[in-house]
Amino acid sequence: MSDNPKLIKNGGNGTFVGNALRWLSKTGANVAPELLNIAGQVTGIDGLSKLGDAIRKDDGLSDSEKQLLLREMEYDMIEMVEVTKRLKYDNEHTITRLVRPITYGAMFIMFLSMVFFDGNIGDFAINPLYVPVIQSLFGTMTVFYFGSRGIEKVMKTFKNNS
């Protein structure tokens, strides 16, 4: 396997099954390129099911390697289900629906205030130690807020069409 930086999508930790496939490949196991390709495109439980079928049918992997991969895939499915549950429960009550937009708005106002007032009013200066924290928190909130809103809209559309 090459040292391709895109092997783990978006700089994240990767899926359990994807990490297991990478580990098996590094240890010299006969991992079919088709499996690696499918694993690299997994999105959702349907994608994991497709990968599971490919793992079961693969002739190059031993039974113990297949069992390891299938077990790791189960962990990925559990994680996906739990994240979906959390997002669903977050939208059941008004207070939980408002937490994200209010927190995001407050963070946005704080960020803009610091940008506009830094050095413009008296001796106000942002401690350089806070900058990476603010950047990572604001970036994470932005990605998760807009990403989860997109998922919510897709799920609502899917549910209404069913």
C-alpha atoms as a PDB file:
ATOM      1  CA  MET A   1       0.000   0.000   0.000  1.00  0.00           C
ATOM      2  CA  SER A   2       1.301   3.473  -0.788  1.00  0.00           C
ATOM      3  CA  ASP A   3       1.741   6.404   1.576  1.00  0.00           C
ATOM      4  CA  ASN A   4      -1.265   8.207   0.124  1.00  0.00           C
ATOM      5  CA  PRO A   5      -2.432  10.862   2.625  1.00  0.00           C
ATOM      6  CA  LYS A   6      -6.037  10.383   1.447  1.00  0.00           C
ATOM      7  CA  LEU A   7      -6.232   6.827   2.770  1.00  0.00           C
ATOM      8  CA  ILE A   8      -7.997   8.196   5.827  1.00  0.00           C
ATOM      9  CA  LYS A   9     -10.651  10.611   4.595  1.00  0.00           C
ATOM     10  CA  ASN A  10     -10.750  14.209   5.772  1.00  0.00           C
ATOM     11  CA  GLY A  11      -7.790  13.775   8.095  1.00  0.00           C
ATOM     12  CA  GLY A  12      -9.970  11.855  10.553  1.00  0.00           C
ATOM     13  CA  ASN A  13      -9.289   8.648  12.431  1.00  0.00           C
ATOM     14  CA  GLY A  14     -10.804   6.435   9.752  1.00  0.00           C
ATOM     15  CA  THR A  15     -13.347   3.677  10.206  1.00  0.00           C
ATOM     16  CA  PHE A  16     -12.595   0.639  12.339  1.00  0.00           C
ATOM     17  CA  VAL A  17     -12.810  -1.673   9.324  1.00  0.00           C
ATOM     18  CA  GLY A  18     -10.727   0.693   7.182  1.00  0.00           C
ATOM     19  CA  ASN A  19      -8.018   0.838   9.831  1.00  0.00           C
ATOM     20  CA  ALA A  20      -8.089  -2.963  10.120  1.00  0.00           C
ATOM     21  CA  LEU A  21      -7.740  -3.300   6.327  1.00  0.00           C
ATOM     22  CA  ARG A  22      -4.786  -0.886   6.333  1.00  0.00           C
ATOM     23  CA  TRP A  23      -3.180  -2.824   9.182  1.00  0.00           C
ATOM     24  CA  LEU A  24      -3.685  -6.172   7.429  1.00  0.00           C
ATOM     25  CA  SER A  25      -2.234  -4.749   4.231  1.00  0.00           C
ATOM     26  CA  LYS A  26       0.834  -3.440   6.082  1.00  0.00           C
ATOM     27  CA  THR A  27       1.399  -6.819   7.750  1.00  0.00           C
ATOM     28  CA  GLY A  28       1.492  -8.534   4.364  1.00  0.00           C
ATOM     29  CA  ALA A  29      -2.016 -10.010   4.201  1.00  0.00           C
ATOM     30  CA  ASN A  30      -3.423 -10.595   0.739  1.00  0.00           C
ATOM     31  CA  VAL A  31      -5.967  -7.753   0.712  1.00  0.00           C
ATOM     32  CA  ALA A  32      -7.683  -7.412  -2.647  1.00  0.00           C
ATOM     33  CA  PRO A  33      -7.536  -3.912  -4.158  1.00  0.00           C
ATOM     34  CA  GLU A  34     -11.315  -4.107  -4.688  1.00  0.00           C
ATOM     35  CA  LEU A  35     -11.812  -4.337  -0.904  1.00  0.00           C
ATOM     36  CA  LEU A  36      -9.634  -1.312  -0.326  1.00  0.00           C
ATOM     37  CA  ASN A  37     -11.527   0.587  -3.020  1.00  0.00           C
ATOM     38  CA  ILE A  38     -14.927  -0.275  -1.514  1.00  0.00           C
ATOM     39  CA  ALA A  39     -13.678   0.602   1.993  1.00  0.00           C
ATOM     40  CA  GLY A  40     -12.462   3.973   0.722  1.00  0.00           C
ATOM     41  CA  GLN A  41     -15.941   4.824  -0.542  1.00  0.00           C
ATOM     42  CA  VAL A  42     -18.010   3.618   2.406  1.00  0.00           C
ATOM     43  CA  THR A  43     -20.764   5.982   3.430  1.00  0.00           C
ATOM     44  CA  GLY A  44     -23.510   4.819   5.716  1.00  0.00           C
ATOM     45  CA  ILE A  45     -24.743   1.430   6.764  1.00  0.00           C
ATOM     46  CA  ASP A  46     -25.570   0.384   3.196  1.00  0.00           C
ATOM     47  CA  GLY A  47     -21.944   0.991   2.212  1.00  0.00           C
ATOM     48  CA  LEU A  48     -20.753  -1.051   5.182  1.00  0.00           C
ATOM     49  CA  SER A  49     -23.126  -3.880   4.199  1.00  0.00           C
ATOM     50  CA  LYS A  50     -21.682  -3.866   0.674  1.00  0.00           C
ATOM     51  CA  LEU A  51     -18.176  -3.983   2.135  1.00  0.00           C
ATOM     52  CA  GLY A  52     -19.206  -6.848   4.442  1.00  0.00           C
ATOM     53  CA  ASP A  53     -20.465  -8.863   1.456  1.00  0.00           C
ATOM     54  CA  ALA A  54     -17.181  -8.231  -0.376  1.00  0.00           C
ATOM     55  CA  ILE A  55     -15.175  -9.333   2.680  1.00  0.00           C
ATOM     56  CA  ARG A  56     -17.181 -12.552   3.007  1.00  0.00           C
ATOM     57  CA  LYS A  57     -16.675 -13.394  -0.692  1.00  0.00           C
ATOM     58  CA  ASP A  58     -12.944 -12.554  -0.778  1.00  0.00           C
ATOM     59  CA  ASP A  59     -10.764 -15.619  -1.391  1.00  0.00           C
ATOM     60  CA  GLY A  60      -7.469 -13.949  -0.463  1.00  0.00           C
ATOM     61  CA  LEU A  61      -8.278 -13.418   3.209  1.00  0.00           C
ATOM     62  CA  SER A  62      -8.113 -16.130   5.844  1.00  0.00           C
ATOM     63  CA  ASP A  63     -11.180 -16.897   7.958  1.00  0.00           C
ATOM     64  CA  SER A  64      -9.621 -15.192  10.988  1.00  0.00           C
ATOM     65  CA  GLU A  65      -8.863 -12.067   8.918  1.00  0.00           C
ATOM     66  CA  LYS A  66     -12.439 -12.028   7.635  1.00  0.00           C
ATOM     67  CA  GLN A  67     -13.793 -12.379  11.175  1.00  0.00           C
ATOM     68  CA  LEU A  68     -11.562  -9.531  12.373  1.00  0.00           C
ATOM     69  CA  LEU A  69     -12.745  -7.246   9.568  1.00  0.00           C
ATOM     70  CA  LEU A  70     -16.403  -8.141  10.073  1.00  0.00           C
ATOM     71  CA  ARG A  71     -16.123  -7.466  13.821  1.00  0.00           C
ATOM     72  CA  GLU A  72     -14.499  -4.089  13.158  1.00  0.00           C
ATOM     73  CA  MET A  73     -17.265  -3.339  10.657  1.00  0.00           C
ATOM     74  CA  GLU A  74     -19.866  -4.041  13.361  1.00  0.00           C
ATOM     75  CA  TYR A  75     -18.206  -1.369  15.533  1.00  0.00           C
ATOM     76  CA  ASP A  76     -18.530   1.095  12.643  1.00  0.00           C
ATOM     77  CA  MET A  77     -22.219   0.252  12.252  1.00  0.00           C
ATOM     78  CA  ILE A  78     -22.831   0.722  15.978  1.00  0.00           C
ATOM     79  CA  GLU A  79     -21.062   4.079  15.885  1.00  0.00           C
ATOM     80  CA  MET A  80     -23.136   5.254  12.888  1.00  0.00           C
ATOM     81  CA  VAL A  81     -26.381   4.186  14.546  1.00  0.00           C
ATOM     82  CA  GLU A  82     -25.468   5.958  17.795  1.00  0.00           C
ATOM     83  CA  VAL A  83     -24.554   9.219  16.029  1.00  0.00           C
ATOM     84  CA  THR A  84     -27.850   9.078  14.126  1.00  0.00           C
ATOM     85  CA  LYS A  85     -29.744   8.481  17.392  1.00  0.00           C
ATOM     86  CA  ARG A  86     -28.018  11.435  19.027  1.00  0.00           C
ATOM     87  CA  LEU A  87     -28.908  13.726  16.138  1.00  0.00           C
ATOM     88  CA  LYS A  88     -32.508  12.466  16.236  1.00  0.00           C
ATOM     89  CA  TYR A  89     -32.838  13.047  19.987  1.00  0.00           C
ATOM     90  CA  ASP A  90     -31.284  16.493  19.616  1.00  0.00           C
ATOM     91  CA  ASN A  91     -34.280  17.515  17.527  1.00  0.00           C
ATOM     92  CA  GLU A  92     -37.099  16.234  19.703  1.00  0.00           C
ATOM     93  CA  HIS A  93     -37.402  19.271  21.976  1.00  0.00           C
ATOM     94  CA  THR A  94     -37.241  23.007  21.375  1.00  0.00           C
ATOM     95  CA  ILE A  95     -34.406  23.540  23.841  1.00  0.00           C
ATOM     96  CA  THR A  96     -32.208  20.866  22.233  1.00  0.00           C
ATOM     97  CA  ARG A  97     -32.995  22.195  18.753  1.00  0.00           C
ATOM     98  CA  LEU A  98     -31.880  25.678  19.815  1.00  0.00           C
ATOM     99  CA  VAL A  99     -28.622  24.725  21.541  1.00  0.00           C
ATOM    100  CA  ARG A 100     -26.587  24.431  18.344  1.00  0.00           C
ATOM    101  CA  PRO A 101     -27.731  27.629  16.600  1.00  0.00           C
ATOM    102  CA  ILE A 102     -27.523  29.739  19.777  1.00  0.00           C
ATOM    103  CA  THR A 103     -24.083  28.381  20.683  1.00  0.00           C
ATOM    104  CA  TYR A 104     -22.882  28.844  17.125  1.00  0.00           C
ATOM    105  CA  GLY A 105     -24.269  32.395  17.025  1.00  0.00           C
ATOM    106  CA  ALA A 106     -22.624  33.287  20.345  1.00  0.00           C
ATOM    107  CA  MET A 107     -19.313  31.855  19.158  1.00  0.00           C
ATOM    108  CA  PHE A 108     -19.608  33.766  15.896  1.00  0.00           C
ATOM    109  CA  ILE A 109     -20.342  37.058  17.679  1.00  0.00           C
ATOM    110  CA  MET A 110     -17.447  36.470  20.084  1.00  0.00           C
ATOM    111  CA  PHE A 111     -15.101  35.688  17.199  1.00  0.00           C
ATOM    112  CA  LEU A 112     -16.132  38.770  15.207  1.00  0.00           C
ATOM    113  CA  SER A 113     -15.890  40.964  18.325  1.00  0.00           C
ATOM    114  CA  MET A 114     -12.335  39.859  18.923  1.00  0.00           C
ATOM    115  CA  VAL A 115     -11.408  40.411  15.287  1.00  0.00           C
ATOM    116  CA  PHE A 116     -12.912  43.921  15.145  1.00  0.00           C
ATOM    117  CA  PHE A 117     -11.826  45.147  18.566  1.00  0.00           C
ATOM    118  CA  ASP A 118      -8.358  43.599  18.715  1.00  0.00           C
ATOM    119  CA  GLY A 119      -5.967  46.527  18.717  1.00  0.00           C
ATOM    120  CA  ASN A 120      -8.703  49.050  17.822  1.00  0.00           C
ATOM    121  CA  ILE A 121      -9.870  49.878  21.348  1.00  0.00           C
ATOM    122  CA  GLY A 122      -7.294  50.689  23.992  1.00  0.00           C
ATOM    123  CA  ASP A 123      -4.892  47.940  24.920  1.00  0.00           C
ATOM    124  CA  PHE A 124      -7.224  45.063  24.046  1.00  0.00           C
ATOM    125  CA  ALA A 125      -5.254  42.120  22.694  1.00  0.00           C
ATOM    126  CA  ILE A 126      -6.095  38.472  22.322  1.00  0.00           C
ATOM    127  CA  ASN A 127      -3.753  36.198  24.227  1.00  0.00           C
ATOM    128  CA  PRO A 128      -1.970  34.157  21.521  1.00  0.00           C
ATOM    129  CA  LEU A 129      -2.606  30.986  23.548  1.00  0.00           C
ATOM    130  CA  TYR A 130      -6.354  31.322  22.912  1.00  0.00           C
ATOM    131  CA  VAL A 131      -6.111  31.667  19.125  1.00  0.00           C
ATOM    132  CA  PRO A 132      -5.664  27.934  18.265  1.00  0.00           C
ATOM    133  CA  VAL A 133      -8.436  26.999  20.711  1.00  0.00           C
ATOM    134  CA  ILE A 134     -10.824  29.536  19.195  1.00  0.00           C
ATOM    135  CA  GLN A 135      -9.888  28.468  15.661  1.00  0.00           C
ATOM    136  CA  SER A 136     -10.405  24.761  16.288  1.00  0.00           C
ATOM    137  CA  LEU A 137     -13.613  25.269  18.267  1.00  0.00           C
ATOM    138  CA  PHE A 138     -15.097  27.626  15.690  1.00  0.00           C
ATOM    139  CA  GLY A 139     -14.042  25.373  12.802  1.00  0.00           C
ATOM    140  CA  THR A 140     -15.449  22.256  14.474  1.00  0.00           C
ATOM    141  CA  MET A 141     -18.716  23.988  15.311  1.00  0.00           C
ATOM    142  CA  THR A 142     -19.081  25.282  11.757  1.00  0.00           C
ATOM    143  CA  VAL A 143     -18.415  21.902  10.139  1.00  0.00           C
ATOM    144  CA  PHE A 144     -20.616  19.969  12.547  1.00  0.00           C
ATOM    145  CA  TYR A 145     -23.450  22.500  12.587  1.00  0.00           C
ATOM    146  CA  PHE A 146     -23.774  22.816   8.827  1.00  0.00           C
ATOM    147  CA  GLY A 147     -22.922  19.152   8.232  1.00  0.00           C
ATOM    148  CA  SER A 148     -25.519  17.898  10.692  1.00  0.00           C
ATOM    149  CA  ARG A 149     -28.117  20.317   9.303  1.00  0.00           C
ATOM    150  CA  GLY A 150     -27.510  18.815   5.856  1.00  0.00           C
ATOM    151  CA  ILE A 151     -27.938  15.299   7.235  1.00  0.00           C
ATOM    152  CA  GLU A 152     -31.148  16.332   9.004  1.00  0.00           C
ATOM    153  CA  LYS A 153     -32.618  17.740   5.787  1.00  0.00           C
ATOM    154  CA  VAL A 154     -31.688  14.641   3.780  1.00  0.00           C
ATOM    155  CA  MET A 155     -33.162  12.348   6.447  1.00  0.00           C
ATOM    156  CA  LYS A 156     -36.361  14.431   6.572  1.00  0.00           C
ATOM    157  CA  THR A 157     -36.693  14.270   2.780  1.00  0.00           C
ATOM    158  CA  PHE A 158     -35.982  10.545   2.778  1.00  0.00           C
ATOM    159  CA  LYS A 159     -38.524   9.973   5.561  1.00  0.00           C
ATOM    160  CA  ASN A 160     -41.202  12.029   3.769  1.00  0.00           C
ATOM    161  CA  ASN A 161     -40.649  10.100   0.512  1.00  0.00           C
ATOM    162  CA  SER A 162     -40.959   6.697   2.214  1.00  0.00           C
END
